[in-house]
Amino acid sequence: MNGFRSRHCQGCLQLQIPFLLILSISLLFGSVSADDPSTSTPKNGDKPSSGSVALKAVIVLLGVASVVGFCVFLFRIWQKKKREEQHARLLKLFQDDDELEVELGIRD
């Protein structure tokens, strides 16, 4: 059971690294655009509407969620492929043993 936990934690870590990288890049771009005076203050002196800020936040969150979902999807496909390869190797191993037993006359 301990081996399962370590493999599970490695899988989680593999998913967290790209997520943290994307999150840090998005925060970096967010802080750079916030420092830009041409986009931060409208000409008439009004504050930007909270609706546009909320819309941008929702779009960013949806983008991050879609990237994370895509990474999880690719990870699941990779796991399935790896499992099928291991299963094929196992079947080949037992198939070779059967042929050897027939050649030696142990089994018909």
PDB file of N, CA and C in Angstrom:
ATOM      1  N   MET A   1       0.816  -1.194   0.000  1.00  0.00           N
ATOM      2  CA  MET A   1       0.000   0.000   0.000  1.00  0.00           C
ATOM      3  C   MET A   1       0.860   1.257   0.000  1.00  0.00           C
ATOM      4  N   ASN A   2       2.035   1.172   0.603  1.00  0.00           N
ATOM      5  CA  ASN A   2       2.913   2.331   0.659  1.00  0.00           C
ATOM      6  C   ASN A   2       3.428   2.700  -0.729  1.00  0.00           C
ATOM      7  N   GLY A   3       3.680   1.692  -1.573  1.00  0.00           N
ATOM      8  CA  GLY A   3       4.113   1.956  -2.937  1.00  0.00           C
ATOM      9  C   GLY A   3       3.045   2.682  -3.731  1.00  0.00           C
ATOM     10  N   PHE A   4       1.781   2.347  -3.469  1.00  0.00           N
ATOM     11  CA  PHE A   4       0.675   3.025  -4.156  1.00  0.00           C
ATOM     12  C   PHE A   4       0.644   4.498  -3.779  1.00  0.00           C
ATOM     13  N   ARG A   5       0.867   4.787  -2.512  1.00  0.00           N
ATOM     14  CA  ARG A   5       0.845   6.180  -2.076  1.00  0.00           C
ATOM     15  C   ARG A   5       1.953   6.983  -2.734  1.00  0.00           C
ATOM     16  N   SER A   6       3.143   6.400  -2.822  1.00  0.00           N
ATOM     17  CA  SER A   6       4.248   7.151  -3.413  1.00  0.00           C
ATOM     18  C   SER A   6       4.009   7.389  -4.902  1.00  0.00           C
ATOM     19  N   ARG A   7       3.455   6.385  -5.621  1.00  0.00           N
ATOM     20  CA  ARG A   7       3.153   6.593  -7.031  1.00  0.00           C
ATOM     21  C   ARG A   7       2.049   7.626  -7.194  1.00  0.00           C
ATOM     22  N   HIS A   8       1.064   7.602  -6.298  1.00  0.00           N
ATOM     23  CA  HIS A   8      -0.027   8.573  -6.363  1.00  0.00           C
ATOM     24  C   HIS A   8       0.500   9.980  -6.119  1.00  0.00           C
ATOM     25  N   CYS A   9       1.392  10.121  -5.153  1.00  0.00           N
ATOM     26  CA  CYS A   9       1.957  11.440  -4.853  1.00  0.00           C
ATOM     27  C   CYS A   9       2.817  11.938  -6.001  1.00  0.00           C
ATOM     28  N   GLN A  10       3.537  11.026  -6.672  1.00  0.00           N
ATOM     29  CA  GLN A  10       4.336  11.431  -7.820  1.00  0.00           C
ATOM     30  C   GLN A  10       3.443  11.925  -8.939  1.00  0.00           C
ATOM     31  N   GLY A  11       2.305  11.268  -9.148  1.00  0.00           N
ATOM     32  CA  GLY A  11       1.364  11.711 -10.171  1.00  0.00           C
ATOM     33  C   GLY A  11       0.800  13.077  -9.853  1.00  0.00           C
ATOM     34  N   CYS A  12       0.482  13.309  -8.580  1.00  0.00           N
ATOM     35  CA  CYS A  12      -0.029  14.622  -8.179  1.00  0.00           C
ATOM     36  C   CYS A  12       1.042  15.688  -8.373  1.00  0.00           C
ATOM     37  N   LEU A  13       2.268  15.348  -8.039  1.00  0.00           N
ATOM     38  CA  LEU A  13       3.362  16.300  -8.194  1.00  0.00           C
ATOM     39  C   LEU A  13       3.585  16.636  -9.658  1.00  0.00           C
ATOM     40  N   GLN A  14       3.470  15.631 -10.531  1.00  0.00           N
ATOM     41  CA  GLN A  14       3.646  15.877 -11.951  1.00  0.00           C
ATOM     42  C   GLN A  14       2.562  16.803 -12.477  1.00  0.00           C
ATOM     43  N   LEU A  15       1.384  16.765 -11.896  1.00  0.00           N
ATOM     44  CA  LEU A  15       0.314  17.656 -12.320  1.00  0.00           C
ATOM     45  C   LEU A  15       0.451  19.042 -11.701  1.00  0.00           C
ATOM     46  N   GLN A  16       1.026  19.123 -10.516  1.00  0.00           N
ATOM     47  CA  GLN A  16       1.124  20.406  -9.832  1.00  0.00           C
ATOM     48  C   GLN A  16       2.197  21.297 -10.427  1.00  0.00           C
ATOM     49  N   ILE A  17       3.263  20.720 -10.926  1.00  0.00           N
ATOM     50  CA  ILE A  17       4.364  21.527 -11.450  1.00  0.00           C
ATOM     51  C   ILE A  17       3.923  22.380 -12.638  1.00  0.00           C
ATOM     52  N   PRO A  18       3.253  21.806 -13.673  1.00  0.00           N
ATOM     53  CA  PRO A  18       2.805  22.672 -14.774  1.00  0.00           C
ATOM     54  C   PRO A  18       1.760  23.691 -14.323  1.00  0.00           C
ATOM     55  N   PHE A  19       0.911  23.300 -13.397  1.00  0.00           N
ATOM     56  CA  PHE A  19      -0.104  24.218 -12.900  1.00  0.00           C
ATOM     57  C   PHE A  19       0.552  25.410 -12.210  1.00  0.00           C
ATOM     58  N   LEU A  20       1.546  25.163 -11.366  1.00  0.00           N
ATOM     59  CA  LEU A  20       2.223  26.249 -10.668  1.00  0.00           C
ATOM     60  C   LEU A  20       2.994  27.128 -11.640  1.00  0.00           C
ATOM     61  N   LEU A  21       3.564  26.525 -12.673  1.00  0.00           N
ATOM     62  CA  LEU A  21       4.284  27.301 -13.681  1.00  0.00           C
ATOM     63  C   LEU A  21       3.335  28.240 -14.418  1.00  0.00           C
ATOM     64  N   ILE A  22       2.206  27.731 -14.837  1.00  0.00           N
ATOM     65  CA  ILE A  22       1.223  28.554 -15.548  1.00  0.00           C
ATOM     66  C   ILE A  22       0.672  29.642 -14.632  1.00  0.00           C
ATOM     67  N   LEU A  23       0.406  29.285 -13.389  1.00  0.00           N
ATOM     68  CA  LEU A  23      -0.106  30.268 -12.442  1.00  0.00           C
ATOM     69  C   LEU A  23       0.902  31.386 -12.203  1.00  0.00           C
ATOM     70  N   SER A  24       2.168  31.048 -12.063  1.00  0.00           N
ATOM     71  CA  SER A  24       3.168  32.093 -11.831  1.00  0.00           C
ATOM     72  C   SER A  24       3.335  32.988 -13.054  1.00  0.00           C
ATOM     73  N   ILE A  25       3.257  32.410 -14.249  1.00  0.00           N
ATOM     74  CA  ILE A  25       3.357  33.220 -15.462  1.00  0.00           C
ATOM     75  C   ILE A  25       2.169  34.156 -15.571  1.00  0.00           C
ATOM     76  N   SER A  26       0.972  33.651 -15.268  1.00  0.00           N
ATOM     77  CA  SER A  26      -0.212  34.510 -15.356  1.00  0.00           C
ATOM     78  C   SER A  26      -0.155  35.630 -14.318  1.00  0.00           C
ATOM     79  N   LEU A  27       0.362  35.337 -13.129  1.00  0.00           N
ATOM     80  CA  LEU A  27       0.500  36.383 -12.117  1.00  0.00           C
ATOM     81  C   LEU A  27       1.547  37.415 -12.541  1.00  0.00           C
ATOM     82  N   LEU A  28       2.588  36.965 -13.194  1.00  0.00           N
ATOM     83  CA  LEU A  28       3.610  37.876 -13.683  1.00  0.00           C
ATOM     84  C   LEU A  28       3.029  38.828 -14.727  1.00  0.00           C
ATOM     85  N   PHE A  29       2.268  38.289 -15.682  1.00  0.00           N
ATOM     86  CA  PHE A  29       1.651  39.140 -16.690  1.00  0.00           C
ATOM     87  C   PHE A  29       0.603  40.060 -16.068  1.00  0.00           C
ATOM     88  N   GLY A  30      -0.081  39.575 -15.059  1.00  0.00           N
ATOM     89  CA  GLY A  30      -1.072  40.407 -14.378  1.00  0.00           C
ATOM     90  C   GLY A  30      -0.430  41.583 -13.668  1.00  0.00           C
ATOM     91  N   SER A  31       0.713  41.357 -13.033  1.00  0.00           N
ATOM     92  CA  SER A  31       1.381  42.449 -12.326  1.00  0.00           C
ATOM     93  C   SER A  31       2.008  43.434 -13.312  1.00  0.00           C
ATOM     94  N   VAL A  32       2.477  42.957 -14.454  1.00  0.00           N
ATOM     95  CA  VAL A  32       3.054  43.857 -15.458  1.00  0.00           C
ATOM     96  C   VAL A  32       1.969  44.734 -16.059  1.00  0.00           C
ATOM     97  N   SER A  33       0.819  44.169 -16.371  1.00  0.00           N
ATOM     98  CA  SER A  33      -0.244  44.973 -16.960  1.00  0.00           C
ATOM     99  C   SER A  33      -0.844  45.934 -15.943  1.00  0.00           C
ATOM    100  N   ALA A  34      -0.775  45.612 -14.652  1.00  0.00           N
ATOM    101  CA  ALA A  34      -1.291  46.514 -13.635  1.00  0.00           C
ATOM    102  C   ALA A  34      -0.386  47.733 -13.485  1.00  0.00           C
ATOM    103  N   ASP A  35       0.904  47.595 -13.781  1.00  0.00           N
ATOM    104  CA  ASP A  35       1.836  48.715 -13.676  1.00  0.00           C
ATOM    105  C   ASP A  35       1.777  49.635 -14.885  1.00  0.00           C
ATOM    106  N   ASP A  36       1.151  49.220 -15.961  1.00  0.00           N
ATOM    107  CA  ASP A  36       1.071  50.005 -17.179  1.00  0.00           C
ATOM    108  C   ASP A  36       0.071  51.149 -16.975  1.00  0.00           C
ATOM    109  N   PRO A  37       0.513  52.427 -16.962  1.00  0.00           N
ATOM    110  CA  PRO A  37      -0.409  53.535 -16.678  1.00  0.00           C
ATOM    111  C   PRO A  37      -1.402  53.784 -17.813  1.00  0.00           C
ATOM    112  N   SER A  38      -1.106  53.371 -19.014  1.00  0.00           N
ATOM    113  CA  SER A  38      -2.027  53.643 -20.124  1.00  0.00           C
ATOM    114  C   SER A  38      -3.294  52.806 -20.037  1.00  0.00           C
ATOM    115  N   THR A  39      -3.236  51.653 -19.385  1.00  0.00           N
ATOM    116  CA  THR A  39      -4.420  50.809 -19.296  1.00  0.00           C
ATOM    117  C   THR A  39      -5.047  50.797 -17.920  1.00  0.00           C
ATOM    118  N   SER A  40      -4.352  51.338 -16.917  1.00  0.00           N
ATOM    119  CA  SER A  40      -4.871  51.217 -15.561  1.00  0.00           C
ATOM    120  C   SER A  40      -5.908  52.289 -15.220  1.00  0.00           C
ATOM    121  N   THR A  41      -5.842  53.480 -15.787  1.00  0.00           N
ATOM    122  CA  THR A  41      -6.766  54.554 -15.432  1.00  0.00           C
ATOM    123  C   THR A  41      -7.451  55.092 -16.685  1.00  0.00           C
ATOM    124  N   PRO A  42      -8.777  55.085 -16.693  1.00  0.00           N
ATOM    125  CA  PRO A  42      -9.483  55.665 -17.833  1.00  0.00           C
ATOM    126  C   PRO A  42      -9.277  57.179 -17.887  1.00  0.00           C
ATOM    127  N   LYS A  43      -9.507  57.792 -19.066  1.00  0.00           N
ATOM    128  CA  LYS A  43      -9.267  59.226 -19.266  1.00  0.00           C
ATOM    129  C   LYS A  43     -10.217  60.105 -18.453  1.00  0.00           C
ATOM    130  N   ASN A  44     -11.447  59.646 -18.237  1.00  0.00           N
ATOM    131  CA  ASN A  44     -12.404  60.489 -17.526  1.00  0.00           C
ATOM    132  C   ASN A  44     -12.261  60.397 -16.016  1.00  0.00           C
ATOM    133  N   GLY A  45     -11.297  59.638 -15.495  1.00  0.00           N
ATOM    134  CA  GLY A  45     -11.044  59.594 -14.067  1.00  0.00           C
ATOM    135  C   GLY A  45     -11.877  58.576 -13.328  1.00  0.00           C
ATOM    136  N   ASP A  46     -12.814  57.899 -13.963  1.00  0.00           N
ATOM    137  CA  ASP A  46     -13.622  56.876 -13.301  1.00  0.00           C
ATOM    138  C   ASP A  46     -12.788  55.618 -13.114  1.00  0.00           C
ATOM    139  N   LYS A  47     -13.137  54.869 -12.081  1.00  0.00           N
ATOM    140  CA  LYS A  47     -12.496  53.580 -11.877  1.00  0.00           C
ATOM    141  C   LYS A  47     -13.043  52.591 -12.888  1.00  0.00           C
ATOM    142  N   PRO A  48     -12.255  51.596 -13.267  1.00  0.00           N
ATOM    143  CA  PRO A  48     -12.784  50.566 -14.157  1.00  0.00           C
ATOM    144  C   PRO A  48     -13.941  49.843 -13.476  1.00  0.00           C
ATOM    145  N   SER A  49     -14.925  49.470 -14.231  1.00  0.00           N
ATOM    146  CA  SER A  49     -16.088  48.821 -13.629  1.00  0.00           C
ATOM    147  C   SER A  49     -15.706  47.470 -13.063  1.00  0.00           C
ATOM    148  N   SER A  50     -16.356  47.119 -11.962  1.00  0.00           N
ATOM    149  CA  SER A  50     -16.047  45.846 -11.318  1.00  0.00           C
ATOM    150  C   SER A  50     -16.507  44.672 -12.177  1.00  0.00           C
ATOM    151  N   GLY A  51     -17.455  44.922 -13.076  1.00  0.00           N
ATOM    152  CA  GLY A  51     -17.924  43.867 -13.972  1.00  0.00           C
ATOM    153  C   GLY A  51     -16.844  43.430 -14.930  1.00  0.00           C
ATOM    154  N   SER A  52     -16.078  44.389 -15.447  1.00  0.00           N
ATOM    155  CA  SER A  52     -15.010  44.021 -16.386  1.00  0.00           C
ATOM    156  C   SER A  52     -13.877  43.294 -15.662  1.00  0.00           C
ATOM    157  N   VAL A  53     -13.593  43.696 -14.427  1.00  0.00           N
ATOM    158  CA  VAL A  53     -12.558  43.024 -13.645  1.00  0.00           C
ATOM    159  C   VAL A  53     -13.008  41.600 -13.320  1.00  0.00           C
ATOM    160  N   ALA A  54     -14.269  41.453 -12.942  1.00  0.00           N
ATOM    161  CA  ALA A  54     -14.798  40.127 -12.628  1.00  0.00           C
ATOM    162  C   ALA A  54     -14.810  39.245 -13.877  1.00  0.00           C
ATOM    163  N   LEU A  55     -15.143  39.831 -15.018  1.00  0.00           N
ATOM    164  CA  LEU A  55     -15.159  39.071 -16.267  1.00  0.00           C
ATOM    165  C   LEU A  55     -13.754  38.587 -16.619  1.00  0.00           C
ATOM    166  N   LYS A  56     -12.754  39.457 -16.455  1.00  0.00           N
ATOM    167  CA  LYS A  56     -11.373  39.058 -16.717  1.00  0.00           C
ATOM    168  C   LYS A  56     -10.939  37.949 -15.762  1.00  0.00           C
ATOM    169  N   ALA A  57     -11.331  38.065 -14.498  1.00  0.00           N
ATOM    170  CA  ALA A  57     -10.974  37.034 -13.515  1.00  0.00           C
ATOM    171  C   ALA A  57     -11.608  35.694 -13.874  1.00  0.00           C
ATOM    172  N   VAL A  58     -12.863  35.725 -14.297  1.00  0.00           N
ATOM    173  CA  VAL A  58     -13.558  34.493 -14.684  1.00  0.00           C
ATOM    174  C   VAL A  58     -12.895  33.872 -15.910  1.00  0.00           C
ATOM    175  N   ILE A  59     -12.520  34.702 -16.871  1.00  0.00           N
ATOM    176  CA  ILE A  59     -11.863  34.190 -18.079  1.00  0.00           C
ATOM    177  C   ILE A  59     -10.514  33.553 -17.726  1.00  0.00           C
ATOM    178  N   VAL A  60      -9.750  34.194 -16.862  1.00  0.00           N
ATOM    179  CA  VAL A  60      -8.462  33.639 -16.451  1.00  0.00           C
ATOM    180  C   VAL A  60      -8.662  32.315 -15.711  1.00  0.00           C
ATOM    181  N   LEU A  61      -9.641  32.288 -14.796  1.00  0.00           N
ATOM    182  CA  LEU A  61      -9.905  31.058 -14.054  1.00  0.00           C
ATOM    183  C   LEU A  61     -10.353  29.927 -14.976  1.00  0.00           C
ATOM    184  N   LEU A  62     -11.181  30.240 -15.957  1.00  0.00           N
ATOM    185  CA  LEU A  62     -11.609  29.223 -16.913  1.00  0.00           C
ATOM    186  C   LEU A  62     -10.427  28.720 -17.748  1.00  0.00           C
ATOM    187  N   GLY A  63      -9.549  29.628 -18.121  1.00  0.00           N
ATOM    188  CA  GLY A  63      -8.360  29.229 -18.870  1.00  0.00           C
ATOM    189  C   GLY A  63      -7.459  28.311 -18.059  1.00  0.00           C
ATOM    190  N   VAL A  64      -7.232  28.663 -16.806  1.00  0.00           N
ATOM    191  CA  VAL A  64      -6.405  27.832 -15.933  1.00  0.00           C
ATOM    192  C   VAL A  64      -7.070  26.480 -15.719  1.00  0.00           C
ATOM    193  N   ALA A  65      -8.381  26.486 -15.491  1.00  0.00           N
ATOM    194  CA  ALA A  65      -9.106  25.227 -15.283  1.00  0.00           C
ATOM    195  C   ALA A  65      -9.042  24.343 -16.527  1.00  0.00           C
ATOM    196  N   SER A  66      -9.146  24.947 -17.704  1.00  0.00           N
ATOM    197  CA  SER A  66      -9.087  24.145 -18.925  1.00  0.00           C
ATOM    198  C   SER A  66      -7.687  23.563 -19.130  1.00  0.00           C
ATOM    199  N   VAL A  67      -6.651  24.317 -18.807  1.00  0.00           N
ATOM    200  CA  VAL A  67      -5.281  23.797 -18.932  1.00  0.00           C
ATOM    201  C   VAL A  67      -5.068  22.652 -17.950  1.00  0.00           C
ATOM    202  N   VAL A  68      -5.530  22.812 -16.719  1.00  0.00           N
ATOM    203  CA  VAL A  68      -5.389  21.749 -15.723  1.00  0.00           C
ATOM    204  C   VAL A  68      -6.187  20.518 -16.162  1.00  0.00           C
ATOM    205  N   GLY A  69      -7.399  20.726 -16.654  1.00  0.00           N
ATOM    206  CA  GLY A  69      -8.206  19.604 -17.134  1.00  0.00           C
ATOM    207  C   GLY A  69      -7.538  18.881 -18.290  1.00  0.00           C
ATOM    208  N   PHE A  70      -6.938  19.621 -19.197  1.00  0.00           N
ATOM    209  CA  PHE A  70      -6.240  19.016 -20.320  1.00  0.00           C
ATOM    210  C   PHE A  70      -5.034  18.214 -19.843  1.00  0.00           C
ATOM    211  N   CYS A  71      -4.311  18.746 -18.852  1.00  0.00           N
ATOM    212  CA  CYS A  71      -3.165  18.014 -18.300  1.00  0.00           C
ATOM    213  C   CYS A  71      -3.615  16.718 -17.631  1.00  0.00           C
ATOM    214  N   VAL A  72      -4.708  16.768 -16.902  1.00  0.00           N
ATOM    215  CA  VAL A  72      -5.240  15.563 -16.260  1.00  0.00           C
ATOM    216  C   VAL A  72      -5.657  14.550 -17.324  1.00  0.00           C
ATOM    217  N   PHE A  73      -6.289  15.027 -18.393  1.00  0.00           N
ATOM    218  CA  PHE A  73      -6.709  14.151 -19.484  1.00  0.00           C
ATOM    219  C   PHE A  73      -5.504  13.466 -20.121  1.00  0.00           C
ATOM    220  N   LEU A  74      -4.452  14.224 -20.401  1.00  0.00           N
ATOM    221  CA  LEU A  74      -3.246  13.640 -20.985  1.00  0.00           C
ATOM    222  C   LEU A  74      -2.576  12.660 -20.031  1.00  0.00           C
ATOM    223  N   PHE A  75      -2.582  12.977 -18.739  1.00  0.00           N
ATOM    224  CA  PHE A  75      -2.000  12.084 -17.744  1.00  0.00           C
ATOM    225  C   PHE A  75      -2.760  10.767 -17.690  1.00  0.00           C
ATOM    226  N   ARG A  76      -4.084  10.819 -17.774  1.00  0.00           N
ATOM    227  CA  ARG A  76      -4.899   9.593 -17.766  1.00  0.00           C
ATOM    228  C   ARG A  76      -4.619   8.746 -19.009  1.00  0.00           C
ATOM    229  N   ILE A  77      -4.482   9.392 -20.150  1.00  0.00           N
ATOM    230  CA  ILE A  77      -4.170   8.653 -21.379  1.00  0.00           C
ATOM    231  C   ILE A  77      -2.806   7.983 -21.249  1.00  0.00           C
ATOM    232  N   TRP A  78      -1.831   8.702 -20.695  1.00  0.00           N
ATOM    233  CA  TRP A  78      -0.494   8.154 -20.512  1.00  0.00           C
ATOM    234  C   TRP A  78      -0.537   6.957 -19.565  1.00  0.00           C
ATOM    235  N   GLN A  79      -1.303   7.062 -18.474  1.00  0.00           N
ATOM    236  CA  GLN A  79      -1.431   5.954 -17.533  1.00  0.00           C
ATOM    237  C   GLN A  79      -2.044   4.734 -18.213  1.00  0.00           C
ATOM    238  N   LYS A  80      -3.085   4.952 -18.995  1.00  0.00           N
ATOM    239  CA  LYS A  80      -3.760   3.848 -19.675  1.00  0.00           C
ATOM    240  C   LYS A  80      -2.818   3.160 -20.648  1.00  0.00           C
ATOM    241  N   LYS A  81      -2.056   3.942 -21.403  1.00  0.00           N
ATOM    242  CA  LYS A  81      -1.113   3.381 -22.367  1.00  0.00           C
ATOM    243  C   LYS A  81      -0.029   2.580 -21.654  1.00  0.00           C
ATOM    244  N   LYS A  82       0.476   3.110 -20.565  1.00  0.00           N
ATOM    245  CA  LYS A  82       1.507   2.429 -19.796  1.00  0.00           C
ATOM    246  C   LYS A  82       0.970   1.118 -19.225  1.00  0.00           C
ATOM    247  N   ARG A  83      -0.256   1.145 -18.713  1.00  0.00           N
ATOM    248  CA  ARG A  83      -0.880  -0.053 -18.157  1.00  0.00           C
ATOM    249  C   ARG A  83      -1.066  -1.118 -19.240  1.00  0.00           C
ATOM    250  N   GLU A  84      -1.494  -0.712 -20.443  1.00  0.00           N
ATOM    251  CA  GLU A  84      -1.683  -1.660 -21.544  1.00  0.00           C
ATOM    252  C   GLU A  84      -0.352  -2.273 -21.977  1.00  0.00           C
ATOM    253  N   GLU A  85       0.715  -1.475 -21.993  1.00  0.00           N
ATOM    254  CA  GLU A  85       2.034  -2.010 -22.349  1.00  0.00           C
ATOM    255  C   GLU A  85       2.503  -3.029 -21.323  1.00  0.00           C
ATOM    256  N   GLN A  86       2.289  -2.750 -20.045  1.00  0.00           N
ATOM    257  CA  GLN A  86       2.681  -3.692 -18.994  1.00  0.00           C
ATOM    258  C   GLN A  86       1.868  -4.976 -19.095  1.00  0.00           C
ATOM    259  N   HIS A  87       0.592  -4.839 -19.393  1.00  0.00           N
ATOM    260  CA  HIS A  87      -0.267  -6.015 -19.541  1.00  0.00           C
ATOM    261  C   HIS A  87       0.185  -6.864 -20.729  1.00  0.00           C
ATOM    262  N   ALA A  88       0.537  -6.211 -21.825  1.00  0.00           N
ATOM    263  CA  ALA A  88       1.012  -6.936 -23.005  1.00  0.00           C
ATOM    264  C   ALA A  88       2.316  -7.662 -22.702  1.00  0.00           C
ATOM    265  N   ARG A  89       3.215  -7.029 -21.954  1.00  0.00           N
ATOM    266  CA  ARG A  89       4.466  -7.693 -21.571  1.00  0.00           C
ATOM    267  C   ARG A  89       4.203  -8.906 -20.687  1.00  0.00           C
ATOM    268  N   LEU A  90       3.257  -8.766 -19.776  1.00  0.00           N
ATOM    269  CA  LEU A  90       2.912  -9.875 -18.890  1.00  0.00           C
ATOM    270  C   LEU A  90       2.329 -11.043 -19.683  1.00  0.00           C
ATOM    271  N   LEU A  91       1.430 -10.743 -20.613  1.00  0.00           N
ATOM    272  CA  LEU A  91       0.850 -11.799 -21.446  1.00  0.00           C
ATOM    273  C   LEU A  91       1.927 -12.478 -22.286  1.00  0.00           C
ATOM    274  N   LYS A  92       2.850 -11.706 -22.819  1.00  0.00           N
ATOM    275  CA  LYS A  92       3.929 -12.277 -23.632  1.00  0.00           C
ATOM    276  C   LYS A  92       4.812 -13.180 -22.784  1.00  0.00           C
ATOM    277  N   LEU A  93       5.060 -12.790 -21.560  1.00  0.00           N
ATOM    278  CA  LEU A  93       5.880 -13.591 -20.664  1.00  0.00           C
ATOM    279  C   LEU A  93       5.247 -14.949 -20.418  1.00  0.00           C
ATOM    280  N   PHE A  94       3.943 -14.968 -20.123  1.00  0.00           N
ATOM    281  CA  PHE A  94       3.264 -16.230 -19.866  1.00  0.00           C
ATOM    282  C   PHE A  94       3.083 -17.031 -21.150  1.00  0.00           C
ATOM    283  N   GLN A  95       2.913 -16.363 -22.264  1.00  0.00           N
ATOM    284  CA  GLN A  95       2.769 -17.070 -23.535  1.00  0.00           C
ATOM    285  C   GLN A  95       4.072 -17.783 -23.884  1.00  0.00           C
ATOM    286  N   ASP A  96       5.189 -17.155 -23.667  1.00  0.00           N
ATOM    287  CA  ASP A  96       6.482 -17.783 -23.928  1.00  0.00           C
ATOM    288  C   ASP A  96       6.695 -18.991 -23.020  1.00  0.00           C
ATOM    289  N   ASP A  97       6.261 -18.904 -21.763  1.00  0.00           N
ATOM    290  CA  ASP A  97       6.393 -20.027 -20.837  1.00  0.00           C
ATOM    291  C   ASP A  97       5.575 -21.219 -21.309  1.00  0.00           C
ATOM    292  N   ASP A  98       4.384 -20.991 -21.846  1.00  0.00           N
ATOM    293  CA  ASP A  98       3.541 -22.074 -22.335  1.00  0.00           C
ATOM    294  C   ASP A  98       4.214 -22.803 -23.488  1.00  0.00           C
ATOM    295  N   GLU A  99       4.810 -22.053 -24.407  1.00  0.00           N
ATOM    296  CA  GLU A  99       5.498 -22.674 -25.538  1.00  0.00           C
ATOM    297  C   GLU A  99       6.694 -23.502 -25.069  1.00  0.00           C
ATOM    298  N   LEU A 100       7.403 -23.016 -24.075  1.00  0.00           N
ATOM    299  CA  LEU A 100       8.547 -23.735 -23.548  1.00  0.00           C
ATOM    300  C   LEU A 100       8.107 -25.047 -22.900  1.00  0.00           C
ATOM    301  N   GLU A 101       7.000 -25.022 -22.159  1.00  0.00           N
ATOM    302  CA  GLU A 101       6.492 -26.226 -21.515  1.00  0.00           C
ATOM    303  C   GLU A 101       6.080 -27.260 -22.559  1.00  0.00           C
ATOM    304  N   VAL A 102       5.482 -26.839 -23.646  1.00  0.00           N
ATOM    305  CA  VAL A 102       5.086 -27.762 -24.702  1.00  0.00           C
ATOM    306  C   VAL A 102       6.326 -28.369 -25.359  1.00  0.00           C
ATOM    307  N   GLU A 103       7.361 -27.561 -25.592  1.00  0.00           N
ATOM    308  CA  GLU A 103       8.578 -28.072 -26.202  1.00  0.00           C
ATOM    309  C   GLU A 103       9.286 -29.084 -25.320  1.00  0.00           C
ATOM    310  N   LEU A 104       9.246 -28.866 -24.012  1.00  0.00           N
ATOM    311  CA  LEU A 104       9.896 -29.789 -23.096  1.00  0.00           C
ATOM    312  C   LEU A 104       9.055 -31.030 -22.832  1.00  0.00           C
ATOM    313  N   GLY A 105       7.827 -31.039 -23.270  1.00  0.00           N
ATOM    314  CA  GLY A 105       6.948 -32.187 -23.064  1.00  0.00           C
ATOM    315  C   GLY A 105       6.307 -32.203 -21.702  1.00  0.00           C
ATOM    316  N   ILE A 106       6.374 -31.087 -20.994  1.00  0.00           N
ATOM    317  CA  ILE A 106       5.749 -31.010 -19.666  1.00  0.00           C
ATOM    318  C   ILE A 106       4.236 -30.917 -19.807  1.00  0.00           C
ATOM    319  N   ARG A 107       3.811 -30.235 -20.815  1.00  0.00           N
ATOM    320  CA  ARG A 107       2.377 -30.015 -21.015  1.00  0.00           C
ATOM    321  C   ARG A 107       2.055 -30.186 -22.485  1.00  0.00           C
ATOM    322  N   ASP A 108       0.846 -30.674 -22.780  1.00  0.00           N
ATOM    323  CA  ASP A 108       0.426 -30.873 -24.179  1.00  0.00           C
ATOM    324  C   ASP A 108      -0.284 -29.688 -24.719  1.00  0.00           C
TER     325      ASP A 108
END
